[in-house]
């Protein structure tokens, strides 16, 4: 799964921590966006995930 982190103007947000978790009991995964706002999670099993992105100075976003 490739995640692209952009601000409200569509500009990439580098170094943004991205958190991914399948359930409250599952171990969460984390990656940090590169200079283009990309981070990738590989070899994920089929599931419903919660995705959260937080970076100081930006609004926090959470998606299911």
PDB file of N, CA and C in Angstrom:
ATOM      1  N   UNK A   1       0.852  -1.167   0.000  1.00  0.00           N
ATOM      2  CA  UNK A   1       0.000   0.000   0.000  1.00  0.00           C
ATOM      3  C   UNK A   1       0.898   1.230   0.000  1.00  0.00           C
ATOM      4  N   UNK A   2       0.713   2.066  -1.003  1.00  0.00           N
ATOM      5  CA  UNK A   2       1.460   3.311  -1.088  1.00  0.00           C
ATOM      6  C   UNK A   2       0.587   4.431  -0.542  1.00  0.00           C
ATOM      7  N   UNK A   3       1.124   5.204   0.370  1.00  0.00           N
ATOM      8  CA  UNK A   3       0.420   6.331   0.973  1.00  0.00           C
ATOM      9  C   UNK A   3       1.123   7.607   0.534  1.00  0.00           C
ATOM     10  N   UNK A   4       0.336   8.585   0.089  1.00  0.00           N
ATOM     11  CA  UNK A   4       0.884   9.887  -0.272  1.00  0.00           C
ATOM     12  C   UNK A   4       0.300  10.922   0.681  1.00  0.00           C
ATOM     13  N   UNK A   5       1.168  11.667   1.348  1.00  0.00           N
ATOM     14  CA  UNK A   5       0.738  12.672   2.321  1.00  0.00           C
ATOM     15  C   UNK A   5       0.896  14.049   1.697  1.00  0.00           C
ATOM     16  N   UNK A   6      -0.255  14.742   1.546  1.00  0.00           N
ATOM     17  CA  UNK A   6      -0.275  16.103   1.013  1.00  0.00           C
ATOM     18  C   UNK A   6      -1.011  17.009   1.987  1.00  0.00           C
ATOM     19  N   UNK A   7      -0.696  18.291   1.951  1.00  0.00           N
ATOM     20  CA  UNK A   7      -1.454  19.247   2.767  1.00  0.00           C
ATOM     21  C   UNK A   7      -2.717  19.655   2.023  1.00  0.00           C
ATOM     22  N   UNK A   8      -3.482  20.570   2.577  1.00  0.00           N
ATOM     23  CA  UNK A   8      -4.750  20.976   1.976  1.00  0.00           C
ATOM     24  C   UNK A   8      -4.589  21.665   0.624  1.00  0.00           C
ATOM     25  N   UNK A   9      -3.349  22.071   0.294  1.00  0.00           N
ATOM     26  CA  UNK A   9      -3.072  22.700  -0.996  1.00  0.00           C
ATOM     27  C   UNK A   9      -2.486  21.720  -2.011  1.00  0.00           C
ATOM     28  N   UNK A  10      -2.383  20.447  -1.628  1.00  0.00           N
ATOM     29  CA  UNK A  10      -1.838  19.432  -2.520  1.00  0.00           C
ATOM     30  C   UNK A  10      -0.325  19.354  -2.521  1.00  0.00           C
ATOM     31  N   UNK A  11       0.331  20.039  -1.586  1.00  0.00           N
ATOM     32  CA  UNK A  11       1.796  20.038  -1.494  1.00  0.00           C
ATOM     33  C   UNK A  11       2.242  18.866  -0.612  1.00  0.00           C
ATOM     34  N   UNK A  12       3.247  18.134  -1.063  1.00  0.00           N
ATOM     35  CA  UNK A  12       3.767  16.995  -0.311  1.00  0.00           C
ATOM     36  C   UNK A  12       4.221  17.422   1.082  1.00  0.00           C
ATOM     37  N   UNK A  13       3.994  16.529   2.063  1.00  0.00           N
ATOM     38  CA  UNK A  13       4.421  16.780   3.446  1.00  0.00           C
ATOM     39  C   UNK A  13       5.500  15.753   3.792  1.00  0.00           C
ATOM     40  N   UNK A  14       6.769  16.120   3.635  1.00  0.00           N
ATOM     41  CA  UNK A  14       7.849  15.190   3.961  1.00  0.00           C
ATOM     42  C   UNK A  14       7.974  14.981   5.472  1.00  0.00           C
ATOM     43  N   UNK A  15       8.531  13.846   5.837  1.00  0.00           N
ATOM     44  CA  UNK A  15       8.812  13.490   7.244  1.00  0.00           C
ATOM     45  C   UNK A  15       7.558  13.373   8.097  1.00  0.00           C
ATOM     46  N   UNK A  16       6.401  13.167   7.473  1.00  0.00           N
ATOM     47  CA  UNK A  16       5.162  12.987   8.236  1.00  0.00           C
ATOM     48  C   UNK A  16       5.066  11.532   8.690  1.00  0.00           C
ATOM     49  N   UNK A  17       4.909  11.285   9.989  1.00  0.00           N
ATOM     50  CA  UNK A  17       4.725   9.918  10.468  1.00  0.00           C
ATOM     51  C   UNK A  17       3.349   9.389  10.063  1.00  0.00           C
ATOM     52  N   UNK A  18       3.327   8.179   9.512  1.00  0.00           N
ATOM     53  CA  UNK A  18       2.089   7.530   9.080  1.00  0.00           C
ATOM     54  C   UNK A  18       1.938   6.246   9.887  1.00  0.00           C
ATOM     55  N   UNK A  19       0.788   6.084  10.531  1.00  0.00           N
ATOM     56  CA  UNK A  19       0.524   4.924  11.381  1.00  0.00           C
ATOM     57  C   UNK A  19      -0.595   4.101  10.762  1.00  0.00           C
ATOM     58  N   UNK A  20      -0.437   2.772  10.748  1.00  0.00           N
ATOM     59  CA  UNK A  20      -1.422   1.873  10.175  1.00  0.00           C
ATOM     60  C   UNK A  20      -1.697   0.755  11.172  1.00  0.00           C
ATOM     61  N   UNK A  21      -2.970   0.474  11.428  1.00  0.00           N
ATOM     62  CA  UNK A  21      -3.314  -0.566  12.397  1.00  0.00           C
ATOM     63  C   UNK A  21      -4.593  -1.270  11.942  1.00  0.00           C
ATOM     64  N   UNK A  22      -4.583  -2.618  11.985  1.00  0.00           N
ATOM     65  CA  UNK A  22      -5.733  -3.410  11.540  1.00  0.00           C
ATOM     66  C   UNK A  22      -6.812  -3.471  12.612  1.00  0.00           C
ATOM     67  N   UNK A  23      -6.437  -3.569  13.867  1.00  0.00           N
ATOM     68  CA  UNK A  23      -7.407  -3.614  14.966  1.00  0.00           C
ATOM     69  C   UNK A  23      -6.722  -3.123  16.232  1.00  0.00           C
ATOM     70  N   UNK A  24      -7.496  -2.936  17.271  1.00  0.00           N
ATOM     71  CA  UNK A  24      -6.914  -2.455  18.532  1.00  0.00           C
ATOM     72  C   UNK A  24      -5.919  -3.455  19.116  1.00  0.00           C
ATOM     73  N   UNK A  25      -6.129  -4.737  18.831  1.00  0.00           N
ATOM     74  CA  UNK A  25      -5.249  -5.773  19.365  1.00  0.00           C
ATOM     75  C   UNK A  25      -4.001  -5.985  18.500  1.00  0.00           C
ATOM     76  N   UNK A  26      -4.069  -5.604  17.252  1.00  0.00           N
ATOM     77  CA  UNK A  26      -2.951  -5.823  16.332  1.00  0.00           C
ATOM     78  C   UNK A  26      -1.818  -4.846  16.602  1.00  0.00           C
ATOM     79  N   UNK A  27      -0.620  -5.301  16.277  1.00  0.00           N
ATOM     80  CA  UNK A  27       0.548  -4.431  16.382  1.00  0.00           C
ATOM     81  C   UNK A  27       0.477  -3.409  15.258  1.00  0.00           C
ATOM     82  N   UNK A  28       0.646  -2.144  15.585  1.00  0.00           N
ATOM     83  CA  UNK A  28       0.604  -1.082  14.586  1.00  0.00           C
ATOM     84  C   UNK A  28       1.888  -1.010  13.789  1.00  0.00           C
ATOM     85  N   UNK A  29       1.783  -0.509  12.576  1.00  0.00           N
ATOM     86  CA  UNK A  29       2.935  -0.306  11.705  1.00  0.00           C
ATOM     87  C   UNK A  29       3.143   1.189  11.516  1.00  0.00           C
ATOM     88  N   UNK A  30       4.374   1.572  11.256  1.00  0.00           N
ATOM     89  CA  UNK A  30       4.674   2.989  11.060  1.00  0.00           C
ATOM     90  C   UNK A  30       5.690   3.149   9.953  1.00  0.00           C
ATOM     91  N   UNK A  31       5.528   4.205   9.169  1.00  0.00           N
ATOM     92  CA  UNK A  31       6.562   4.623   8.229  1.00  0.00           C
ATOM     93  C   UNK A  31       6.587   6.148   8.241  1.00  0.00           C
ATOM     94  N   UNK A  32       7.601   6.718   7.640  1.00  0.00           N
ATOM     95  CA  UNK A  32       7.746   8.176   7.593  1.00  0.00           C
ATOM     96  C   UNK A  32       7.795   8.584   6.127  1.00  0.00           C
ATOM     97  N   UNK A  33       6.982   9.569   5.765  1.00  0.00           N
ATOM     98  CA  UNK A  33       6.915  10.032   4.378  1.00  0.00           C
ATOM     99  C   UNK A  33       8.264  10.584   3.922  1.00  0.00           C
ATOM    100  N   UNK A  34       8.611  10.269   2.670  1.00  0.00           N
ATOM    101  CA  UNK A  34       9.858  10.777   2.098  1.00  0.00           C
ATOM    102  C   UNK A  34       9.665  12.214   1.598  1.00  0.00           C
ATOM    103  N   UNK A  35      10.636  12.748   0.870  1.00  0.00           N
ATOM    104  CA  UNK A  35      10.591  14.140   0.416  1.00  0.00           C
ATOM    105  C   UNK A  35       9.396  14.426  -0.488  1.00  0.00           C
ATOM    106  N   UNK A  36       8.851  13.380  -1.138  1.00  0.00           N
ATOM    107  CA  UNK A  36       7.700  13.546  -2.027  1.00  0.00           C
ATOM    108  C   UNK A  36       6.381  13.244  -1.313  1.00  0.00           C
ATOM    109  N   UNK A  37       6.437  12.992  -0.011  1.00  0.00           N
ATOM    110  CA  UNK A  37       5.243  12.691   0.759  1.00  0.00           C
ATOM    111  C   UNK A  37       4.801  11.242   0.681  1.00  0.00           C
ATOM    112  N   UNK A  38       5.662  10.358   0.163  1.00  0.00           N
ATOM    113  CA  UNK A  38       5.306   8.947   0.003  1.00  0.00           C
ATOM    114  C   UNK A  38       5.876   8.076   1.112  1.00  0.00           C
ATOM    115  N   UNK A  39       5.088   7.110   1.532  1.00  0.00           N
ATOM    116  CA  UNK A  39       5.611   6.017   2.349  1.00  0.00           C
ATOM    117  C   UNK A  39       4.844   4.770   1.957  1.00  0.00           C
ATOM    118  N   UNK A  40       5.454   3.611   2.146  1.00  0.00           N
ATOM    119  CA  UNK A  40       4.849   2.378   1.643  1.00  0.00           C
ATOM    120  C   UNK A  40       4.851   1.289   2.704  1.00  0.00           C
ATOM    121  N   UNK A  41       3.724   0.611   2.782  1.00  0.00           N
ATOM    122  CA  UNK A  41       3.592  -0.575   3.616  1.00  0.00           C
ATOM    123  C   UNK A  41       3.490  -1.751   2.650  1.00  0.00           C
ATOM    124  N   UNK A  42       4.332  -2.762   2.816  1.00  0.00           N
ATOM    125  CA  UNK A  42       4.317  -3.887   1.889  1.00  0.00           C
ATOM    126  C   UNK A  42       3.869  -5.172   2.589  1.00  0.00           C
ATOM    127  N   UNK A  43       3.404  -6.110   1.800  1.00  0.00           N
ATOM    128  CA  UNK A  43       2.996  -7.447   2.257  1.00  0.00           C
ATOM    129  C   UNK A  43       1.921  -7.383   3.342  1.00  0.00           C
ATOM    130  N   UNK A  44       0.919  -6.552   3.141  1.00  0.00           N
ATOM    131  CA  UNK A  44      -0.168  -6.446   4.116  1.00  0.00           C
ATOM    132  C   UNK A  44      -1.222  -7.505   3.838  1.00  0.00           C
ATOM    133  N   UNK A  45      -1.688  -8.193   4.878  1.00  0.00           N
ATOM    134  CA  UNK A  45      -2.802  -9.129   4.671  1.00  0.00           C
ATOM    135  C   UNK A  45      -4.101  -8.352   4.440  1.00  0.00           C
ATOM    136  N   UNK A  46      -5.050  -9.016   3.797  1.00  0.00           N
ATOM    137  CA  UNK A  46      -6.350  -8.388   3.557  1.00  0.00           C
ATOM    138  C   UNK A  46      -7.029  -8.112   4.896  1.00  0.00           C
ATOM    139  N   UNK A  47      -7.423  -6.885   5.118  1.00  0.00           N
ATOM    140  CA  UNK A  47      -8.079  -6.470   6.365  1.00  0.00           C
ATOM    141  C   UNK A  47      -8.568  -5.041   6.196  1.00  0.00           C
ATOM    142  N   UNK A  48      -9.352  -4.599   7.160  1.00  0.00           N
ATOM    143  CA  UNK A  48      -9.721  -3.189   7.231  1.00  0.00           C
ATOM    144  C   UNK A  48      -8.727  -2.508   8.156  1.00  0.00           C
ATOM    145  N   UNK A  49      -8.131  -1.437   7.701  1.00  0.00           N
ATOM    146  CA  UNK A  49      -7.090  -0.756   8.458  1.00  0.00           C
ATOM    147  C   UNK A  49      -7.521   0.646   8.854  1.00  0.00           C
ATOM    148  N   UNK A  50      -6.959   1.114   9.949  1.00  0.00           N
ATOM    149  CA  UNK A  50      -7.094   2.504  10.357  1.00  0.00           C
ATOM    150  C   UNK A  50      -5.769   3.177  10.032  1.00  0.00           C
ATOM    151  N   UNK A  51      -5.812   4.288   9.307  1.00  0.00           N
ATOM    152  CA  UNK A  51      -4.623   5.031   8.904  1.00  0.00           C
ATOM    153  C   UNK A  51      -4.659   6.387   9.585  1.00  0.00           C
ATOM    154  N   UNK A  52      -3.540   6.763  10.208  1.00  0.00           N
ATOM    155  CA  UNK A  52      -3.466   8.049  10.902  1.00  0.00           C
ATOM    156  C   UNK A  52      -2.168   8.742  10.501  1.00  0.00           C
ATOM    157  N   UNK A  53      -2.270  10.018  10.199  1.00  0.00           N
ATOM    158  CA  UNK A  53      -1.094  10.821   9.846  1.00  0.00           C
ATOM    159  C   UNK A  53      -1.081  12.028  10.758  1.00  0.00           C
ATOM    160  N   UNK A  54       0.042  12.266  11.399  1.00  0.00           N
ATOM    161  CA  UNK A  54       0.188  13.414  12.299  1.00  0.00           C
ATOM    162  C   UNK A  54       1.557  14.044  12.094  1.00  0.00           C
ATOM    163  N   UNK A  55       1.568  15.352  11.998  1.00  0.00           N
ATOM    164  CA  UNK A  55       2.837  16.083  11.955  1.00  0.00           C
ATOM    165  C   UNK A  55       2.606  17.441  12.584  1.00  0.00           C
ATOM    166  N   UNK A  56       3.538  17.852  13.433  1.00  0.00           N
ATOM    167  CA  UNK A  56       3.412  19.138  14.117  1.00  0.00           C
ATOM    168  C   UNK A  56       3.275  20.255  13.092  1.00  0.00           C
ATOM    169  N   UNK A  57       2.316  21.143  13.333  1.00  0.00           N
ATOM    170  CA  UNK A  57       2.077  22.257  12.438  1.00  0.00           C
ATOM    171  C   UNK A  57       1.034  21.975  11.365  1.00  0.00           C
ATOM    172  N   UNK A  58       0.509  20.740  11.338  1.00  0.00           N
ATOM    173  CA  UNK A  58      -0.495  20.339  10.362  1.00  0.00           C
ATOM    174  C   UNK A  58      -1.681  19.734  11.085  1.00  0.00           C
ATOM    175  N   UNK A  59      -2.839  19.717  10.424  1.00  0.00           N
ATOM    176  CA  UNK A  59      -4.009  19.051  10.983  1.00  0.00           C
ATOM    177  C   UNK A  59      -3.796  17.545  10.947  1.00  0.00           C
ATOM    178  N   UNK A  60      -4.244  16.847  11.973  1.00  0.00           N
ATOM    179  CA  UNK A  60      -4.179  15.395  12.037  1.00  0.00           C
ATOM    180  C   UNK A  60      -5.303  14.807  11.201  1.00  0.00           C
ATOM    181  N   UNK A  61      -5.023  13.668  10.544  1.00  0.00           N
ATOM    182  CA  UNK A  61      -6.028  12.990   9.727  1.00  0.00           C
ATOM    183  C   UNK A  61      -6.080  11.527  10.109  1.00  0.00           C
ATOM    184  N   UNK A  62      -7.317  10.992  10.223  1.00  0.00           N
ATOM    185  CA  UNK A  62      -7.502   9.575  10.492  1.00  0.00           C
ATOM    186  C   UNK A  62      -8.517   9.038   9.497  1.00  0.00           C
ATOM    187  N   UNK A  63      -8.185   7.919   8.845  1.00  0.00           N
ATOM    188  CA  UNK A  63      -9.051   7.293   7.858  1.00  0.00           C
ATOM    189  C   UNK A  63      -9.242   5.827   8.199  1.00  0.00           C
ATOM    190  N   UNK A  64     -10.385   5.289   7.837  1.00  0.00           N
ATOM    191  CA  UNK A  64     -10.642   3.852   8.008  1.00  0.00           C
ATOM    192  C   UNK A  64     -10.582   3.177   6.670  1.00  0.00           C
TER     193      UNK A  64
END
